[in-house]
Amino acid sequence: MTAATRENILDAALELISSKGYLGASTREIAQMAGVAEVTLFRYFASKESLFAEVLRSFSSIPVLPELMPHLESMSYEEALEALAFRFLGYFEANRNLIRVLSCEAGYAPEEMKGVYVDFSKQLFAVLTEFFADVGERGVIRPDLGLEHIARAFHSMVFGLFQIDGFRCIKTDLASKYVDMVGVFVDIFFQGTKALDEKGVNFSKNACG
């Protein structure tokens, strides 16, 4: 057994499940795409269910988002929102097959796989909530808005933007196609969440702290 063979099986499983669905993708087809015999696949994964669960575990980590957090502290709130939006869009683009599986298949999966999906969602929202908690401590966002609600609203906004093109498998260019729409989306979100001073006037865009 080799790590390369295991990775090939996981890659093939993700591709086929994303295109055919969990029920439509057979272990025989997955093994063929991975270049191994079906019996070899079962040496690595005891069942189709355990293979799918491992696909979700292997591809659903979001290390790029926590790595970005320290850099956001030097940005204005609006700049940080834009940076987060583009990072999420980049992640969605790079993991289009995974996003399709999580969106369309996890709800019909056995309980073990649903648990992986729930863990992924918690991890994602924990990162966003941490960002908004930090901004909130600096008095930059409205204190009457729940942090988790803000995090979910931001994620929904960016994911909705991705669904316009990216989720439909249309090739996109983050540097040009999304730039205008991200600016509009971020401005709307920024205007709706930034704090007000004692006179009810929005604080300046120019300071996160």
N, C-alpha and C. Protein backbone atom coordinates (compact mmCIF):
# COMPACT_ATOMS: atom_id res chain seq x y z
N MET A 1 0.83 -1.19 0.00
CA MET A 1 0.00 0.00 0.00
C MET A 1 0.87 1.25 0.00
N THR A 2 0.54 2.19 -0.85
CA THR A 2 1.33 3.41 -0.93
C THR A 2 0.43 4.63 -0.75
N ALA A 3 1.05 5.72 -0.29
CA ALA A 3 0.29 6.96 -0.11
C ALA A 3 -0.20 7.50 -1.44
N ALA A 4 0.60 7.31 -2.51
CA ALA A 4 0.22 7.80 -3.83
C ALA A 4 -1.03 7.09 -4.33
N THR A 5 -1.11 5.78 -4.13
CA THR A 5 -2.29 5.03 -4.56
C THR A 5 -3.52 5.49 -3.80
N ARG A 6 -3.35 5.69 -2.51
CA ARG A 6 -4.47 6.16 -1.68
C ARG A 6 -4.97 7.52 -2.17
N GLU A 7 -4.05 8.42 -2.48
CA GLU A 7 -4.43 9.75 -2.96
C GLU A 7 -5.12 9.66 -4.32
N ASN A 8 -4.66 8.76 -5.17
CA ASN A 8 -5.30 8.57 -6.48
C ASN A 8 -6.74 8.11 -6.33
N ILE A 9 -6.97 7.22 -5.40
CA ILE A 9 -8.32 6.72 -5.15
C ILE A 9 -9.22 7.85 -4.64
N LEU A 10 -8.69 8.64 -3.71
CA LEU A 10 -9.48 9.76 -3.17
C LEU A 10 -9.79 10.79 -4.25
N ASP A 11 -8.81 11.10 -5.09
CA ASP A 11 -9.04 12.06 -6.18
C ASP A 11 -10.11 11.56 -7.13
N ALA A 12 -10.02 10.28 -7.49
CA ALA A 12 -11.00 9.70 -8.41
C ALA A 12 -12.39 9.68 -7.78
N ALA A 13 -12.45 9.34 -6.50
CA ALA A 13 -13.74 9.30 -5.82
C ALA A 13 -14.39 10.68 -5.79
N LEU A 14 -13.60 11.70 -5.49
CA LEU A 14 -14.16 13.06 -5.44
C LEU A 14 -14.69 13.47 -6.81
N GLU A 15 -13.92 13.19 -7.86
CA GLU A 15 -14.34 13.59 -9.21
C GLU A 15 -15.62 12.88 -9.64
N LEU A 16 -15.67 11.57 -9.41
CA LEU A 16 -16.84 10.81 -9.86
C LEU A 16 -18.08 11.11 -9.02
N ILE A 17 -17.89 11.26 -7.71
CA ILE A 17 -19.04 11.56 -6.86
C ILE A 17 -19.60 12.94 -7.17
N SER A 18 -18.70 13.87 -7.50
CA SER A 18 -19.17 15.22 -7.82
C SER A 18 -19.93 15.26 -9.14
N SER A 19 -19.59 14.35 -10.06
CA SER A 19 -20.25 14.36 -11.38
C SER A 19 -21.44 13.41 -11.44
N LYS A 20 -21.38 12.28 -10.72
CA LYS A 20 -22.44 11.27 -10.81
C LYS A 20 -23.28 11.16 -9.54
N GLY A 21 -22.82 11.79 -8.47
CA GLY A 21 -23.51 11.65 -7.20
C GLY A 21 -23.01 10.45 -6.43
N TYR A 22 -23.29 10.42 -5.14
CA TYR A 22 -22.81 9.34 -4.29
C TYR A 22 -23.36 8.00 -4.73
N LEU A 23 -24.65 7.95 -5.02
CA LEU A 23 -25.26 6.68 -5.43
C LEU A 23 -24.83 6.29 -6.83
N GLY A 24 -24.58 7.24 -7.71
CA GLY A 24 -24.26 6.94 -9.10
C GLY A 24 -22.82 6.52 -9.32
N ALA A 25 -21.93 6.89 -8.44
CA ALA A 25 -20.50 6.55 -8.60
C ALA A 25 -20.22 5.22 -7.92
N SER A 26 -19.87 4.22 -8.72
CA SER A 26 -19.60 2.90 -8.16
C SER A 26 -18.13 2.77 -7.78
N THR A 27 -17.84 1.88 -6.86
CA THR A 27 -16.45 1.65 -6.46
C THR A 27 -15.64 1.07 -7.62
N ARG A 28 -16.31 0.33 -8.50
CA ARG A 28 -15.61 -0.20 -9.68
C ARG A 28 -15.12 0.93 -10.57
N GLU A 29 -16.00 1.93 -10.81
CA GLU A 29 -15.61 3.06 -11.64
C GLU A 29 -14.51 3.89 -10.98
N ILE A 30 -14.63 4.05 -9.68
CA ILE A 30 -13.62 4.82 -8.95
C ILE A 30 -12.27 4.13 -9.05
N ALA A 31 -12.27 2.82 -8.89
CA ALA A 31 -11.02 2.06 -8.98
C ALA A 31 -10.43 2.18 -10.38
N GLN A 32 -11.27 2.07 -11.40
CA GLN A 32 -10.79 2.19 -12.78
C GLN A 32 -10.16 3.55 -13.03
N MET A 33 -10.80 4.61 -12.58
CA MET A 33 -10.25 5.95 -12.77
C MET A 33 -8.93 6.12 -12.02
N ALA A 34 -8.83 5.48 -10.87
CA ALA A 34 -7.61 5.59 -10.06
C ALA A 34 -6.50 4.68 -10.59
N GLY A 35 -6.84 3.80 -11.54
CA GLY A 35 -5.83 2.91 -12.10
C GLY A 35 -5.49 1.73 -11.21
N VAL A 36 -6.47 1.28 -10.42
CA VAL A 36 -6.24 0.13 -9.53
C VAL A 36 -7.39 -0.84 -9.68
N ALA A 37 -7.19 -2.05 -9.17
CA ALA A 37 -8.27 -3.03 -9.15
C ALA A 37 -9.23 -2.68 -8.02
N GLU A 38 -10.49 -3.08 -8.16
CA GLU A 38 -11.48 -2.77 -7.13
C GLU A 38 -11.09 -3.39 -5.80
N VAL A 39 -10.49 -4.57 -5.84
CA VAL A 39 -10.07 -5.21 -4.60
C VAL A 39 -8.99 -4.39 -3.90
N THR A 40 -8.17 -3.69 -4.68
CA THR A 40 -7.15 -2.82 -4.09
C THR A 40 -7.80 -1.65 -3.38
N LEU A 41 -8.84 -1.11 -3.99
CA LEU A 41 -9.56 0.00 -3.34
C LEU A 41 -10.04 -0.42 -1.96
N PHE A 42 -10.57 -1.65 -1.86
CA PHE A 42 -11.12 -2.09 -0.58
C PHE A 42 -10.03 -2.47 0.42
N ARG A 43 -8.80 -2.57 -0.03
CA ARG A 43 -7.70 -2.75 0.92
C ARG A 43 -7.40 -1.45 1.66
N TYR A 44 -7.69 -0.35 0.99
CA TYR A 44 -7.47 0.97 1.58
C TYR A 44 -8.70 1.46 2.34
N PHE A 45 -9.89 1.15 1.81
CA PHE A 45 -11.13 1.64 2.40
C PHE A 45 -12.10 0.47 2.53
N ALA A 46 -12.60 0.26 3.73
CA ALA A 46 -13.40 -0.93 4.01
C ALA A 46 -14.72 -0.94 3.26
N SER A 47 -15.25 0.23 2.92
CA SER A 47 -16.55 0.31 2.26
C SER A 47 -16.64 1.60 1.47
N LYS A 48 -17.66 1.69 0.65
CA LYS A 48 -17.89 2.92 -0.10
C LYS A 48 -18.17 4.07 0.86
N GLU A 49 -18.90 3.77 1.95
CA GLU A 49 -19.21 4.80 2.94
C GLU A 49 -17.94 5.37 3.57
N SER A 50 -17.02 4.48 3.94
CA SER A 50 -15.78 4.95 4.57
C SER A 50 -14.91 5.70 3.57
N LEU A 51 -14.97 5.30 2.29
CA LEU A 51 -14.23 6.03 1.26
C LEU A 51 -14.77 7.45 1.13
N PHE A 52 -16.08 7.60 1.06
CA PHE A 52 -16.68 8.92 0.91
C PHE A 52 -16.39 9.79 2.13
N ALA A 53 -16.46 9.18 3.31
CA ALA A 53 -16.17 9.94 4.53
C ALA A 53 -14.74 10.46 4.51
N GLU A 54 -13.82 9.64 4.02
CA GLU A 54 -12.42 10.06 3.96
C GLU A 54 -12.21 11.12 2.89
N VAL A 55 -12.97 11.04 1.79
CA VAL A 55 -12.92 12.09 0.77
C VAL A 55 -13.26 13.43 1.41
N LEU A 56 -14.33 13.48 2.18
CA LEU A 56 -14.74 14.72 2.82
C LEU A 56 -13.69 15.19 3.82
N ARG A 57 -13.14 14.28 4.60
CA ARG A 57 -12.12 14.67 5.58
C ARG A 57 -10.88 15.22 4.90
N SER A 58 -10.48 14.57 3.83
CA SER A 58 -9.21 14.91 3.17
C SER A 58 -9.26 16.23 2.43
N PHE A 59 -10.42 16.55 1.87
CA PHE A 59 -10.50 17.73 1.00
C PHE A 59 -11.21 18.92 1.62
N SER A 60 -11.75 18.76 2.84
CA SER A 60 -12.58 19.84 3.39
C SER A 60 -11.87 20.72 4.39
N SER A 61 -10.56 20.58 4.56
CA SER A 61 -9.85 21.48 5.46
C SER A 61 -9.72 22.85 4.80
N ILE A 62 -9.63 23.90 5.61
CA ILE A 62 -9.53 25.26 5.07
C ILE A 62 -8.32 25.98 5.67
N PRO A 63 -7.11 25.44 5.51
CA PRO A 63 -5.94 26.07 6.13
C PRO A 63 -5.64 27.46 5.60
N VAL A 64 -6.03 27.75 4.36
CA VAL A 64 -5.69 29.06 3.78
C VAL A 64 -6.40 30.19 4.50
N LEU A 65 -7.54 29.94 5.11
CA LEU A 65 -8.28 31.00 5.77
C LEU A 65 -7.66 31.41 7.10
N PRO A 66 -7.33 30.47 8.00
CA PRO A 66 -6.66 30.88 9.23
C PRO A 66 -5.32 31.56 8.97
N GLU A 67 -4.62 31.13 7.92
CA GLU A 67 -3.34 31.75 7.60
C GLU A 67 -3.49 33.22 7.23
N LEU A 68 -4.66 33.57 6.73
CA LEU A 68 -4.88 34.95 6.31
C LEU A 68 -5.18 35.87 7.48
N MET A 69 -5.68 35.32 8.57
CA MET A 69 -6.16 36.13 9.69
C MET A 69 -5.16 37.18 10.18
N PRO A 70 -3.89 36.85 10.43
CA PRO A 70 -2.96 37.88 10.93
C PRO A 70 -2.79 39.06 9.98
N HIS A 71 -2.89 38.81 8.69
CA HIS A 71 -2.70 39.89 7.70
C HIS A 71 -3.88 40.85 7.67
N LEU A 72 -5.04 40.38 8.11
CA LEU A 72 -6.23 41.23 8.08
C LEU A 72 -6.16 42.35 9.10
N GLU A 73 -5.37 42.16 10.15
CA GLU A 73 -5.32 43.13 11.23
C GLU A 73 -4.77 44.48 10.78
N SER A 74 -3.95 44.47 9.74
CA SER A 74 -3.36 45.72 9.27
C SER A 74 -4.23 46.43 8.23
N MET A 75 -5.36 45.82 7.88
CA MET A 75 -6.24 46.38 6.85
C MET A 75 -7.41 47.11 7.49
N SER A 76 -8.02 48.01 6.73
CA SER A 76 -9.29 48.58 7.16
C SER A 76 -10.34 47.48 7.11
N TYR A 77 -11.45 47.73 7.79
CA TYR A 77 -12.53 46.74 7.81
C TYR A 77 -12.99 46.39 6.40
N GLU A 78 -13.19 47.40 5.57
CA GLU A 78 -13.65 47.16 4.20
C GLU A 78 -12.61 46.39 3.39
N GLU A 79 -11.34 46.74 3.53
CA GLU A 79 -10.28 46.02 2.82
C GLU A 79 -10.22 44.57 3.26
N ALA A 80 -10.39 44.35 4.57
CA ALA A 80 -10.35 42.98 5.10
C ALA A 80 -11.51 42.15 4.57
N LEU A 81 -12.70 42.76 4.48
CA LEU A 81 -13.85 42.06 3.91
C LEU A 81 -13.58 41.65 2.47
N GLU A 82 -12.99 42.54 1.70
CA GLU A 82 -12.69 42.24 0.30
C GLU A 82 -11.66 41.13 0.19
N ALA A 83 -10.63 41.18 1.05
CA ALA A 83 -9.60 40.13 1.03
C ALA A 83 -10.21 38.78 1.38
N LEU A 84 -11.08 38.75 2.38
CA LEU A 84 -11.76 37.51 2.75
C LEU A 84 -12.63 37.00 1.62
N ALA A 85 -13.36 37.91 0.98
CA ALA A 85 -14.24 37.51 -0.11
C ALA A 85 -13.45 36.84 -1.23
N PHE A 86 -12.34 37.43 -1.63
CA PHE A 86 -11.54 36.85 -2.70
C PHE A 86 -10.89 35.53 -2.26
N ARG A 87 -10.51 35.44 -0.98
CA ARG A 87 -9.92 34.18 -0.51
C ARG A 87 -10.96 33.07 -0.54
N PHE A 88 -12.18 33.37 -0.12
CA PHE A 88 -13.24 32.37 -0.18
C PHE A 88 -13.53 31.97 -1.62
N LEU A 89 -13.63 32.94 -2.51
CA LEU A 89 -13.90 32.64 -3.91
C LEU A 89 -12.80 31.78 -4.50
N GLY A 90 -11.56 32.09 -4.15
CA GLY A 90 -10.43 31.28 -4.63
C GLY A 90 -10.51 29.86 -4.12
N TYR A 91 -10.90 29.71 -2.85
CA TYR A 91 -11.05 28.38 -2.27
C TYR A 91 -12.19 27.62 -2.96
N PHE A 92 -13.32 28.29 -3.18
CA PHE A 92 -14.44 27.64 -3.85
C PHE A 92 -14.07 27.21 -5.28
N GLU A 93 -13.34 28.08 -5.98
CA GLU A 93 -12.93 27.76 -7.35
C GLU A 93 -11.99 26.56 -7.37
N ALA A 94 -11.03 26.54 -6.45
CA ALA A 94 -10.04 25.46 -6.42
C ALA A 94 -10.63 24.14 -5.96
N ASN A 95 -11.76 24.20 -5.25
CA ASN A 95 -12.37 22.99 -4.70
C ASN A 95 -13.82 22.84 -5.17
N ARG A 96 -14.02 23.13 -6.44
CA ARG A 96 -15.37 23.12 -7.01
C ARG A 96 -16.05 21.76 -6.83
N ASN A 97 -15.32 20.68 -7.08
CA ASN A 97 -15.91 19.35 -6.94
C ASN A 97 -16.32 19.07 -5.51
N LEU A 98 -15.47 19.46 -4.56
CA LEU A 98 -15.80 19.26 -3.16
C LEU A 98 -17.04 20.06 -2.78
N ILE A 99 -17.10 21.30 -3.22
CA ILE A 99 -18.24 22.16 -2.88
C ILE A 99 -19.53 21.55 -3.42
N ARG A 100 -19.47 20.99 -4.62
CA ARG A 100 -20.66 20.36 -5.19
C ARG A 100 -21.08 19.15 -4.35
N VAL A 101 -20.11 18.36 -3.93
CA VAL A 101 -20.42 17.19 -3.11
C VAL A 101 -21.03 17.62 -1.78
N LEU A 102 -20.41 18.60 -1.15
CA LEU A 102 -20.91 19.06 0.15
C LEU A 102 -22.31 19.64 0.02
N SER A 103 -22.56 20.33 -1.08
CA SER A 103 -23.85 21.00 -1.26
C SER A 103 -24.95 20.03 -1.65
N CYS A 104 -24.61 19.03 -2.45
CA CYS A 104 -25.64 18.18 -3.05
C CYS A 104 -25.72 16.78 -2.48
N GLU A 105 -24.63 16.28 -1.92
CA GLU A 105 -24.60 14.87 -1.54
C GLU A 105 -24.63 14.62 -0.04
N ALA A 106 -24.02 15.52 0.74
CA ALA A 106 -23.86 15.24 2.17
C ALA A 106 -25.20 15.05 2.88
N GLY A 107 -26.23 15.74 2.42
CA GLY A 107 -27.53 15.62 3.07
C GLY A 107 -28.16 14.24 2.93
N TYR A 108 -27.74 13.50 1.92
CA TYR A 108 -28.29 12.16 1.70
C TYR A 108 -27.35 11.06 2.18
N ALA A 109 -26.23 11.47 2.77
CA ALA A 109 -25.19 10.51 3.14
C ALA A 109 -25.48 9.87 4.50
N PRO A 110 -24.82 8.73 4.77
CA PRO A 110 -24.94 8.11 6.10
C PRO A 110 -24.48 9.07 7.19
N GLU A 111 -24.85 8.76 8.43
CA GLU A 111 -24.59 9.67 9.55
C GLU A 111 -23.11 10.00 9.71
N GLU A 112 -22.23 9.03 9.45
CA GLU A 112 -20.79 9.28 9.59
C GLU A 112 -20.36 10.43 8.69
N MET A 113 -20.86 10.43 7.45
CA MET A 113 -20.47 11.46 6.49
C MET A 113 -21.12 12.80 6.82
N LYS A 114 -22.33 12.76 7.36
CA LYS A 114 -22.98 14.01 7.77
C LYS A 114 -22.16 14.67 8.87
N GLY A 115 -21.56 13.85 9.73
CA GLY A 115 -20.73 14.39 10.80
C GLY A 115 -19.52 15.12 10.26
N VAL A 116 -18.92 14.60 9.19
CA VAL A 116 -17.77 15.26 8.56
C VAL A 116 -18.20 16.59 7.97
N TYR A 117 -19.37 16.62 7.35
CA TYR A 117 -19.89 17.86 6.77
C TYR A 117 -20.14 18.90 7.86
N VAL A 118 -20.73 18.46 8.97
CA VAL A 118 -21.00 19.38 10.08
C VAL A 118 -19.69 19.94 10.63
N ASP A 119 -18.67 19.08 10.77
CA ASP A 119 -17.37 19.54 11.27
C ASP A 119 -16.76 20.57 10.34
N PHE A 120 -16.88 20.35 9.03
CA PHE A 120 -16.36 21.30 8.05
C PHE A 120 -17.05 22.65 8.20
N SER A 121 -18.37 22.62 8.32
CA SER A 121 -19.13 23.87 8.46
C SER A 121 -18.73 24.61 9.73
N LYS A 122 -18.56 23.86 10.82
CA LYS A 122 -18.16 24.49 12.08
C LYS A 122 -16.79 25.14 11.96
N GLN A 123 -15.88 24.45 11.29
CA GLN A 123 -14.53 24.97 11.11
C GLN A 123 -14.56 26.27 10.31
N LEU A 124 -15.34 26.27 9.25
CA LEU A 124 -15.43 27.45 8.39
C LEU A 124 -16.01 28.64 9.15
N PHE A 125 -17.12 28.42 9.84
CA PHE A 125 -17.76 29.53 10.53
C PHE A 125 -16.95 29.97 11.76
N ALA A 126 -16.16 29.06 12.33
CA ALA A 126 -15.30 29.45 13.45
C ALA A 126 -14.26 30.46 13.01
N VAL A 127 -13.71 30.27 11.81
CA VAL A 127 -12.72 31.20 11.27
C VAL A 127 -13.35 32.57 11.05
N LEU A 128 -14.52 32.60 10.42
CA LEU A 128 -15.19 33.86 10.17
C LEU A 128 -15.63 34.54 11.46
N THR A 129 -16.14 33.75 12.40
CA THR A 129 -16.58 34.33 13.67
C THR A 129 -15.40 34.93 14.42
N GLU A 130 -14.25 34.27 14.33
CA GLU A 130 -13.04 34.81 14.97
C GLU A 130 -12.68 36.17 14.37
N PHE A 131 -12.80 36.28 13.06
CA PHE A 131 -12.49 37.55 12.40
C PHE A 131 -13.44 38.65 12.88
N PHE A 132 -14.74 38.37 12.85
CA PHE A 132 -15.72 39.38 13.23
C PHE A 132 -15.66 39.68 14.73
N ALA A 133 -15.28 38.71 15.54
CA ALA A 133 -15.11 38.97 16.98
C ALA A 133 -13.96 39.94 17.20
N ASP A 134 -12.87 39.75 16.46
CA ASP A 134 -11.73 40.64 16.57
C ASP A 134 -12.10 42.06 16.14
N VAL A 135 -12.82 42.17 15.03
CA VAL A 135 -13.25 43.48 14.55
C VAL A 135 -14.22 44.11 15.54
N GLY A 136 -15.10 43.27 16.11
CA GLY A 136 -16.06 43.78 17.07
C GLY A 136 -15.40 44.35 18.31
N GLU A 137 -14.33 43.71 18.79
CA GLU A 137 -13.61 44.20 19.96
C GLU A 137 -12.98 45.56 19.71
N ARG A 138 -12.74 45.88 18.46
CA ARG A 138 -12.16 47.18 18.10
C ARG A 138 -13.23 48.24 17.88
N GLY A 139 -14.49 47.86 18.05
CA GLY A 139 -15.57 48.82 17.93
C GLY A 139 -15.89 49.22 16.51
N VAL A 140 -15.53 48.38 15.55
CA VAL A 140 -15.70 48.75 14.14
C VAL A 140 -17.05 48.29 13.59
N ILE A 141 -17.64 47.25 14.18
CA ILE A 141 -18.92 46.77 13.67
C ILE A 141 -20.02 47.01 14.70
N ARG A 142 -21.24 46.97 14.25
CA ARG A 142 -22.39 47.21 15.11
C ARG A 142 -22.47 46.16 16.21
N PRO A 143 -22.58 46.57 17.47
CA PRO A 143 -22.61 45.60 18.57
C PRO A 143 -23.93 44.85 18.69
N ASP A 144 -24.98 45.33 17.99
CA ASP A 144 -26.28 44.68 18.10
C ASP A 144 -26.42 43.47 17.18
N LEU A 145 -25.41 43.21 16.36
CA LEU A 145 -25.46 42.08 15.44
C LEU A 145 -24.70 40.89 16.02
N GLY A 146 -25.32 39.73 16.05
CA GLY A 146 -24.65 38.54 16.56
C GLY A 146 -23.50 38.15 15.66
N LEU A 147 -22.36 37.77 16.27
CA LEU A 147 -21.16 37.45 15.48
C LEU A 147 -21.39 36.28 14.55
N GLU A 148 -22.06 35.23 15.05
CA GLU A 148 -22.29 34.06 14.20
C GLU A 148 -23.24 34.41 13.05
N HIS A 149 -24.21 35.28 13.32
CA HIS A 149 -25.13 35.69 12.26
C HIS A 149 -24.39 36.50 11.19
N ILE A 150 -23.48 37.36 11.62
CA ILE A 150 -22.69 38.12 10.66
C ILE A 150 -21.83 37.18 9.83
N ALA A 151 -21.20 36.20 10.49
CA ALA A 151 -20.35 35.25 9.78
C ALA A 151 -21.14 34.47 8.75
N ARG A 152 -22.33 34.02 9.13
CA ARG A 152 -23.17 33.26 8.19
C ARG A 152 -23.66 34.12 7.04
N ALA A 153 -23.98 35.38 7.34
CA ALA A 153 -24.43 36.28 6.29
C ALA A 153 -23.31 36.54 5.29
N PHE A 154 -22.09 36.72 5.79
CA PHE A 154 -20.96 36.98 4.89
C PHE A 154 -20.69 35.76 4.02
N HIS A 155 -20.69 34.58 4.64
CA HIS A 155 -20.46 33.36 3.87
C HIS A 155 -21.54 33.17 2.81
N SER A 156 -22.79 33.39 3.18
CA SER A 156 -23.89 33.23 2.22
C SER A 156 -23.75 34.20 1.06
N MET A 157 -23.31 35.42 1.35
CA MET A 157 -23.13 36.42 0.31
C MET A 157 -22.07 35.98 -0.70
N VAL A 158 -20.93 35.53 -0.18
CA VAL A 158 -19.82 35.15 -1.07
C VAL A 158 -20.15 33.85 -1.81
N PHE A 159 -20.76 32.90 -1.12
CA PHE A 159 -21.09 31.64 -1.78
C PHE A 159 -22.14 31.87 -2.85
N GLY A 160 -23.07 32.78 -2.61
CA GLY A 160 -24.06 33.12 -3.62
C GLY A 160 -23.41 33.70 -4.86
N LEU A 161 -22.38 34.51 -4.66
CA LEU A 161 -21.64 35.07 -5.79
C LEU A 161 -20.95 33.97 -6.57
N PHE A 162 -20.36 33.01 -5.86
CA PHE A 162 -19.71 31.89 -6.53
C PHE A 162 -20.70 31.06 -7.33
N GLN A 163 -21.90 30.88 -6.80
CA GLN A 163 -22.91 30.07 -7.48
C GLN A 163 -23.34 30.66 -8.82
N ILE A 164 -23.20 31.96 -8.97
CA ILE A 164 -23.62 32.61 -10.22
C ILE A 164 -22.90 32.00 -11.41
N ASP A 165 -21.60 31.72 -11.26
CA ASP A 165 -20.82 31.16 -12.36
C ASP A 165 -20.05 29.91 -11.96
N GLY A 166 -19.28 30.03 -10.90
CA GLY A 166 -18.34 28.96 -10.55
C GLY A 166 -18.98 27.62 -10.30
N PHE A 167 -20.11 27.59 -9.59
CA PHE A 167 -20.74 26.33 -9.25
C PHE A 167 -21.32 25.64 -10.46
N ARG A 168 -21.52 26.40 -11.54
CA ARG A 168 -22.08 25.82 -12.76
C ARG A 168 -21.00 25.32 -13.70
N CYS A 169 -19.76 25.29 -13.20
CA CYS A 169 -18.62 24.79 -13.98
C CYS A 169 -18.26 25.70 -15.14
N ILE A 170 -18.66 26.96 -15.09
CA ILE A 170 -18.23 27.92 -16.10
C ILE A 170 -16.88 28.46 -15.67
N LYS A 171 -15.92 28.46 -16.56
CA LYS A 171 -14.59 28.92 -16.21
C LYS A 171 -14.64 30.40 -15.86
N THR A 172 -14.05 30.74 -14.72
CA THR A 172 -14.07 32.12 -14.28
C THR A 172 -12.66 32.63 -14.05
N ASP A 173 -12.52 33.94 -14.04
CA ASP A 173 -11.24 34.58 -13.80
C ASP A 173 -11.40 35.50 -12.61
N LEU A 174 -10.87 35.08 -11.45
CA LEU A 174 -11.07 35.85 -10.23
C LEU A 174 -10.54 37.27 -10.35
N ALA A 175 -9.51 37.45 -11.15
CA ALA A 175 -8.88 38.76 -11.25
C ALA A 175 -9.74 39.77 -11.99
N SER A 176 -10.69 39.29 -12.80
CA SER A 176 -11.48 40.22 -13.59
C SER A 176 -12.99 40.01 -13.45
N LYS A 177 -13.45 38.76 -13.55
CA LYS A 177 -14.89 38.52 -13.61
C LYS A 177 -15.59 38.89 -12.31
N TYR A 178 -14.97 38.60 -11.17
CA TYR A 178 -15.60 38.84 -9.89
C TYR A 178 -15.34 40.24 -9.33
N VAL A 179 -14.34 40.91 -9.84
CA VAL A 179 -13.84 42.09 -9.13
C VAL A 179 -14.92 43.15 -8.93
N ASP A 180 -15.71 43.46 -9.96
CA ASP A 180 -16.74 44.48 -9.82
C ASP A 180 -17.85 44.03 -8.86
N MET A 181 -18.26 42.78 -8.99
CA MET A 181 -19.34 42.29 -8.15
C MET A 181 -18.90 42.19 -6.69
N VAL A 182 -17.65 41.78 -6.46
CA VAL A 182 -17.14 41.72 -5.10
C VAL A 182 -17.18 43.11 -4.47
N GLY A 183 -16.79 44.11 -5.25
CA GLY A 183 -16.81 45.47 -4.74
C GLY A 183 -18.20 45.89 -4.31
N VAL A 184 -19.21 45.56 -5.11
CA VAL A 184 -20.59 45.91 -4.78
C VAL A 184 -21.07 45.14 -3.55
N PHE A 185 -20.82 43.82 -3.54
CA PHE A 185 -21.27 42.98 -2.43
C PHE A 185 -20.62 43.44 -1.12
N VAL A 186 -19.31 43.68 -1.17
CA VAL A 186 -18.59 44.09 0.03
C VAL A 186 -19.08 45.45 0.53
N ASP A 187 -19.35 46.36 -0.39
CA ASP A 187 -19.82 47.69 0.01
C ASP A 187 -21.17 47.58 0.72
N ILE A 188 -22.06 46.76 0.19
CA ILE A 188 -23.36 46.57 0.82
C ILE A 188 -23.20 45.97 2.21
N PHE A 189 -22.35 44.95 2.33
CA PHE A 189 -22.13 44.30 3.61
C PHE A 189 -21.47 45.26 4.59
N PHE A 190 -20.48 46.00 4.10
CA PHE A 190 -19.75 46.97 4.93
C PHE A 190 -20.70 48.03 5.47
N GLN A 191 -21.52 48.59 4.59
CA GLN A 191 -22.43 49.65 5.01
C GLN A 191 -23.46 49.14 6.02
N GLY A 192 -23.82 47.88 5.92
CA GLY A 192 -24.83 47.33 6.81
C GLY A 192 -24.32 46.88 8.16
N THR A 193 -23.00 46.66 8.28
CA THR A 193 -22.47 46.11 9.53
C THR A 193 -21.55 47.05 10.29
N LYS A 194 -21.05 48.11 9.66
CA LYS A 194 -20.09 48.97 10.36
C LYS A 194 -20.79 49.77 11.46
N ALA A 195 -20.02 50.11 12.47
CA ALA A 195 -20.56 50.78 13.65
C ALA A 195 -20.89 52.23 13.37
N LEU A 196 -21.72 52.80 14.23
CA LEU A 196 -22.09 54.21 14.16
C LEU A 196 -21.50 54.94 15.38
N ASP A 197 -21.19 56.21 15.21
CA ASP A 197 -20.73 56.98 16.37
C ASP A 197 -21.95 57.48 17.15
N GLU A 198 -21.71 58.27 18.18
CA GLU A 198 -22.80 58.73 19.05
C GLU A 198 -23.86 59.51 18.29
N LYS A 199 -23.50 60.13 17.18
CA LYS A 199 -24.43 60.94 16.40
C LYS A 199 -25.17 60.11 15.34
N GLY A 200 -24.89 58.81 15.32
CA GLY A 200 -25.54 57.95 14.33
C GLY A 200 -24.87 58.01 12.98
N VAL A 201 -23.63 58.48 12.93
CA VAL A 201 -22.89 58.58 11.68
C VAL A 201 -21.93 57.41 11.57
N ASN A 202 -21.82 56.83 10.36
CA ASN A 202 -20.90 55.71 10.18
C ASN A 202 -19.47 56.13 10.43
N PHE A 203 -18.73 55.23 11.09
CA PHE A 203 -17.30 55.47 11.28
C PHE A 203 -16.59 55.46 9.95
N SER A 204 -15.41 55.99 9.91
CA SER A 204 -14.60 56.03 8.69
C SER A 204 -14.22 54.63 8.24
N LYS A 205 -14.05 54.49 6.93
CA LYS A 205 -13.58 53.21 6.36
C LYS A 205 -12.12 52.97 6.70
N ASN A 206 -11.40 53.98 7.10
CA ASN A 206 -9.94 53.92 7.06
C ASN A 206 -9.28 53.26 8.25
N ALA A 207 -10.05 52.76 9.21
CA ALA A 207 -9.39 52.16 10.37
C ALA A 207 -10.13 50.92 10.83
N CYS A 208 -9.37 49.83 11.01
CA CYS A 208 -9.94 48.61 11.56
C CYS A 208 -9.82 48.66 13.07
N GLY A 209 -9.01 49.51 13.58
CA GLY A 209 -8.81 49.57 15.01
C GLY A 209 -8.60 50.98 15.45
